[in-house]
Amino acid sequence: MPRAAMPFAVEVPDEELDNWQRCEIKKGLEEMRTGKLVDHADVVNHWSARK
């Protein structure tokens, strides 16, 4: 039976990149919990009103 191949390369991120991504996710979650993030709908409404 022939082996199937993916049409793209699969790479495992290095440890430094993985740590950075995890840190950024944690920061984003903390910002969300403390209300520092702006809701997407508010951004859309703001920019739509500028026309």
Protein backbone atom coordinates (compact mmCIF):
# COMPACT_ATOMS: atom_id res chain seq x y z
CA MET A 1 0.00 0.00 0.00
CA PRO A 2 1.47 3.43 -0.94
CA ARG A 3 2.16 5.89 1.84
CA ALA A 4 0.15 9.11 1.87
CA ALA A 5 2.06 12.37 2.11
CA MET A 6 1.00 15.79 3.31
CA PRO A 7 1.20 18.56 0.69
CA PHE A 8 3.13 20.73 3.17
CA ALA A 9 5.99 20.40 5.59
CA VAL A 10 5.17 19.75 9.22
CA GLU A 11 7.58 21.44 11.56
CA VAL A 12 7.75 21.41 15.32
CA PRO A 13 8.48 24.88 16.71
CA ASP A 14 11.66 25.29 18.66
CA GLU A 15 11.47 25.70 22.42
CA GLU A 16 12.05 29.47 22.38
CA LEU A 17 9.21 30.08 19.92
CA ASP A 18 6.92 27.73 21.85
CA ASN A 19 7.66 29.55 25.11
CA TRP A 20 7.06 32.94 23.48
CA GLN A 21 3.71 31.80 22.04
CA ARG A 22 2.59 30.44 25.41
CA CYS A 23 3.59 33.69 27.13
CA GLU A 24 1.66 35.79 24.59
CA ILE A 25 -1.44 33.63 25.00
CA LYS A 26 -1.25 34.00 28.79
CA LYS A 27 -0.89 37.79 28.46
CA GLY A 28 -3.87 37.95 26.13
CA LEU A 29 -6.02 35.88 28.46
CA GLU A 30 -5.07 38.11 31.39
CA GLU A 31 -5.93 41.23 29.38
CA MET A 32 -9.28 39.70 28.51
CA ARG A 33 -10.00 38.85 32.16
CA THR A 34 -9.16 42.38 33.33
CA GLY A 35 -11.21 44.08 30.61
CA LYS A 36 -8.27 45.59 28.74
CA LEU A 37 -9.26 44.17 25.38
CA VAL A 38 -11.60 45.94 22.98
CA ASP A 39 -14.52 43.94 21.62
CA HIS A 40 -14.32 43.32 17.86
CA ALA A 41 -17.86 44.67 17.34
CA ASP A 42 -16.81 47.95 18.99
CA VAL A 43 -13.86 48.28 16.60
CA VAL A 44 -16.08 47.59 13.58
CA ASN A 45 -18.66 50.12 14.77
CA HIS A 46 -15.98 52.74 15.41
CA TRP A 47 -14.48 52.43 11.93
CA SER A 48 -17.86 52.15 10.20
CA ALA A 49 -18.98 55.42 11.82
CA ARG A 50 -15.99 57.26 10.33
CA LYS A 51 -17.24 56.97 6.74
